[in-house]
Each structure stands twice: as C-alpha cells, then as structure tokens.
C-alpha cells in the first residue's frame, strides 16, 4: 500500500463520504484511517459496504453507539487511539488534539493524525508530524480530507507526504 486516506468528522454526511470514496477509488487507495465522529452505526456500515480496503477507526465523542467488538471483515475500531506501521512509517491516530500531542511526546511516531476541531492543521513536535485532515462533513469549515503517501521518506521538510484534499 502506498497511499492512505485520512479522514475525520464525517458526521453522517453521505454525499461527502461518497465524493471521498470516489476519489479514493481513483487513487487506488486501499486503506482509510478515520479519526472519529462517524456518528451512526448505519454510516459506519455504509463505509464498510462501499469500501473494499481496510478501515481503521478511532472513536470520537459522538461515536457512542458503535459496538467495539463489531465483527466486520475490513474494519478495526480503536477506543482512544490506534497505531499502525505502513511502509516503515509509524502512524498513530486519535480523535482528540490533546491525545495527539501526548502521543507525539513519546517520539515513537512519524505521523499522528487527529480530528475533533474540524480545522485542517499541521505542526511538528520534535520529529513527529501531527496533522488534522479537517472535517469531511464540511461542518464549520470546508469539506476536507488528506492523502498520505507512505512511499516518501518521513521527516524531511522538502517532501510532501501529506496532501490536503478540498471537496
């Protein structure tokens, strides 16, 4: 896998989810990291039924009705944060900015993604890039998500590992 879609705060907005899924399909992306606030279980089921790749979800503050032990072949749900290793990149994801900063201080990760604020944001803490892809639903800000290219070496300022996509 070379590219990963990073989304957050989709808030049951099916038209925007469909737009994102179309772009993801065109880019041959087979992994989605969702940083929380899917909202309803029906929307989570919709994601899983309309995307053949793997979906990793960190629970957000409005994701109370999701069953943590839900058995869906392409979905893995994390309560507070998740972490993955993809192409030698250590990646963590959570819903909350405070947790993202705590994770960055461990210096274990190349990238940490988070949501909750609905505001696209990028910052560096030591050698870790912390990124908020914004709100897929377009609540309070334009509808956005990010694409991470895992084939590029992390940590070099001149590379462009993450691209913000505006819908």
Protein backbone atom coordinates (compact mmCIF):
# COMPACT_ATOMS: atom_id res chain seq x y z
CA UNK A 1 0.00 0.00 0.00
CA UNK A 2 1.43 3.34 -0.93
CA UNK A 3 -1.32 5.86 -0.23
CA UNK A 4 -3.68 6.13 2.74
CA UNK A 5 -6.79 8.32 3.03
CA UNK A 6 -7.00 10.16 6.35
CA UNK A 7 -10.46 11.41 7.30
CA UNK A 8 -12.22 12.75 10.35
CA UNK A 9 -15.56 14.14 11.42
CA UNK A 10 -17.69 12.69 8.62
CA UNK A 11 -20.84 13.17 10.76
CA UNK A 12 -23.20 11.04 8.61
CA UNK A 13 -22.69 13.27 5.54
CA UNK A 14 -23.23 10.59 2.87
CA UNK A 15 -22.80 12.91 -0.16
CA UNK A 16 -19.33 13.95 1.08
CA UNK A 17 -18.47 10.37 2.06
CA UNK A 18 -19.38 9.28 -1.47
CA UNK A 19 -17.22 12.03 -3.01
CA UNK A 20 -14.28 10.96 -0.88
CA UNK A 21 -14.80 7.27 -1.71
CA UNK A 22 -14.86 8.07 -5.45
CA UNK A 23 -11.55 9.94 -5.17
CA UNK A 24 -10.04 7.16 -3.06
CA UNK A 25 -11.05 4.60 -5.67
CA UNK A 26 -9.48 6.67 -8.50
CA UNK A 27 -6.24 6.92 -6.48
CA UNK A 28 -6.21 3.12 -5.86
CA UNK A 29 -6.13 3.71 -2.12
CA UNK A 30 -6.85 0.59 -0.10
CA UNK A 31 -6.58 1.96 3.45
CA UNK A 32 -8.66 4.57 5.26
CA UNK A 33 -7.82 5.94 8.68
CA UNK A 34 -10.86 7.62 10.26
CA UNK A 35 -10.05 9.87 13.22
CA UNK A 36 -13.53 9.70 14.72
CA UNK A 37 -17.03 11.14 14.62
CA UNK A 38 -18.54 8.85 12.02
CA UNK A 39 -21.77 9.32 14.06
CA UNK A 40 -24.18 6.44 13.50
CA UNK A 41 -23.60 2.73 13.09
CA UNK A 42 -25.54 2.89 9.81
CA UNK A 43 -22.92 5.25 8.41
CA UNK A 44 -20.11 3.04 9.66
CA UNK A 45 -21.79 0.08 7.94
CA UNK A 46 -22.08 2.21 4.77
CA UNK A 47 -18.31 2.87 4.82
CA UNK A 48 -17.58 -0.84 5.18
CA UNK A 49 -20.02 -1.88 2.45
CA UNK A 50 -18.77 0.70 -0.05
CA UNK A 51 -15.02 0.40 0.50
CA UNK A 52 -13.19 -2.87 -0.12
CA UNK A 53 -9.96 -1.93 1.66
CA UNK A 54 -9.14 -1.73 5.35
CA UNK A 55 -10.72 0.89 7.59
CA UNK A 56 -9.15 1.86 10.92
CA UNK A 57 -11.35 3.98 13.20
CA UNK A 58 -10.51 5.78 16.40
CA UNK A 59 -13.71 6.54 18.31
CA UNK A 60 -14.80 10.18 18.55
CA UNK A 61 -17.04 11.97 21.01
CA UNK A 62 -20.23 11.27 19.02
CA UNK A 63 -19.47 7.61 18.24
CA UNK A 64 -21.20 6.16 21.29
CA UNK A 65 -23.42 3.64 19.53
CA UNK A 66 -20.64 1.71 17.73
CA UNK A 67 -20.04 -1.75 19.03
CA UNK A 68 -16.31 -2.03 19.75
CA UNK A 69 -16.39 -5.78 19.13
CA UNK A 70 -18.34 -5.42 15.92
CA UNK A 71 -17.24 -8.13 13.51
CA UNK A 72 -16.77 -6.59 10.09
CA UNK A 73 -14.03 -8.02 7.87
CA UNK A 74 -12.45 -4.74 6.82
CA UNK A 75 -12.96 -2.65 9.98
CA UNK A 76 -10.85 -2.28 13.11
CA UNK A 77 -12.12 0.05 15.84
CA UNK A 78 -9.86 1.60 18.47
CA UNK A 79 -11.24 3.16 21.63
CA UNK A 80 -8.81 6.02 22.36
CA UNK A 81 -6.13 5.77 19.67
CA UNK A 82 -4.76 3.34 17.13
CA UNK A 83 -1.36 2.79 15.66
CA UNK A 84 -0.08 1.14 12.50
CA UNK A 85 3.18 0.55 10.74
CA UNK A 86 2.91 1.14 7.00
CA UNK A 87 5.99 1.05 4.73
CA UNK A 88 8.30 1.59 7.73
CA UNK A 89 6.29 4.62 8.89
CA UNK A 90 4.95 4.54 12.43
CA UNK A 91 1.50 6.11 12.39
CA UNK A 92 -0.88 6.86 15.25
CA UNK A 93 -4.39 8.26 15.07
CA UNK A 94 -6.91 9.55 17.57
CA UNK A 95 -9.87 11.89 17.67
CA UNK A 96 -8.52 14.34 20.20
CA UNK A 97 -5.79 17.01 19.80
CA UNK A 98 -4.59 16.59 23.39
CA UNK A 99 -4.07 12.84 22.90
CA UNK A 100 -2.23 13.52 19.61
CA UNK A 101 0.21 15.81 21.41
CA UNK A 102 0.70 13.26 24.20
CA UNK A 103 1.49 10.59 21.61
CA UNK A 104 3.94 12.93 19.85
CA UNK A 105 5.91 13.38 23.06
CA UNK A 106 6.68 9.64 23.08
CA UNK A 107 8.69 10.19 19.89
CA UNK A 108 7.56 6.76 18.60
CA UNK A 109 5.68 8.01 15.53
CA UNK A 110 6.47 9.64 12.21
CA UNK A 111 2.87 10.83 11.81
CA UNK A 112 -0.04 11.35 14.18
CA UNK A 113 -3.48 12.18 12.83
CA UNK A 114 -6.39 13.58 14.81
CA UNK A 115 -9.76 15.29 14.33
CA UNK A 116 -12.38 16.92 16.57
CA UNK A 117 -11.63 20.59 15.80
CA UNK A 118 -12.90 20.42 12.18
CA UNK A 119 -9.91 22.59 11.24
CA UNK A 120 -7.12 21.33 8.95
CA UNK A 121 -3.85 21.75 10.80
CA UNK A 122 -0.26 20.61 10.65
CA UNK A 123 2.54 21.01 13.16
CA UNK A 124 5.77 19.32 14.18
CA UNK A 125 6.61 18.18 17.67
CA UNK A 126 10.22 17.05 17.68
CA UNK A 127 10.47 14.65 14.71
CA UNK A 128 6.72 13.86 14.62
CA UNK A 129 4.30 15.45 12.17
CA UNK A 130 0.86 15.98 13.72
CA UNK A 131 -1.92 16.51 11.19
CA UNK A 132 -5.63 17.20 11.37
CA UNK A 133 -7.30 16.47 7.99
CA UNK A 134 -10.25 18.74 8.86
CA UNK A 135 -13.89 17.79 8.58
CA UNK A 136 -15.13 15.51 5.82
CA UNK A 137 -18.70 16.64 6.58
CA UNK A 138 -17.88 20.30 5.97
CA UNK A 139 -19.19 21.46 9.36
CA UNK A 140 -17.80 24.91 10.37
CA UNK A 141 -15.17 24.65 7.62
CA UNK A 142 -14.87 23.41 4.06
CA UNK A 143 -15.09 19.68 3.49
CA UNK A 144 -11.58 18.21 3.51
CA UNK A 145 -9.57 15.05 3.97
CA UNK A 146 -5.93 14.10 3.47
CA UNK A 147 -3.92 11.58 1.49
CA UNK A 148 -0.70 10.23 2.97
CA UNK A 149 1.90 8.92 0.53
CA UNK A 150 3.79 6.29 2.53
CA UNK A 151 6.43 5.74 -0.16
CA UNK A 152 8.17 9.05 0.61
CA UNK A 153 10.74 9.23 3.41
CA UNK A 154 9.27 10.83 6.52
CA UNK A 155 10.79 13.72 8.40
CA UNK A 156 12.24 15.72 5.54
CA UNK A 157 10.70 19.16 5.22
CA UNK A 158 11.10 19.27 1.43
CA UNK A 159 8.92 16.21 0.85
CA UNK A 160 5.17 16.32 0.55
CA UNK A 161 3.98 13.19 2.34
CA UNK A 162 0.50 14.54 3.05
CA UNK A 163 -1.81 16.33 0.64
CA UNK A 164 -4.94 18.12 1.84
CA UNK A 165 -7.92 17.48 -0.46
CA UNK A 166 -10.72 20.05 -0.57
CA UNK A 167 -14.08 18.72 -1.77
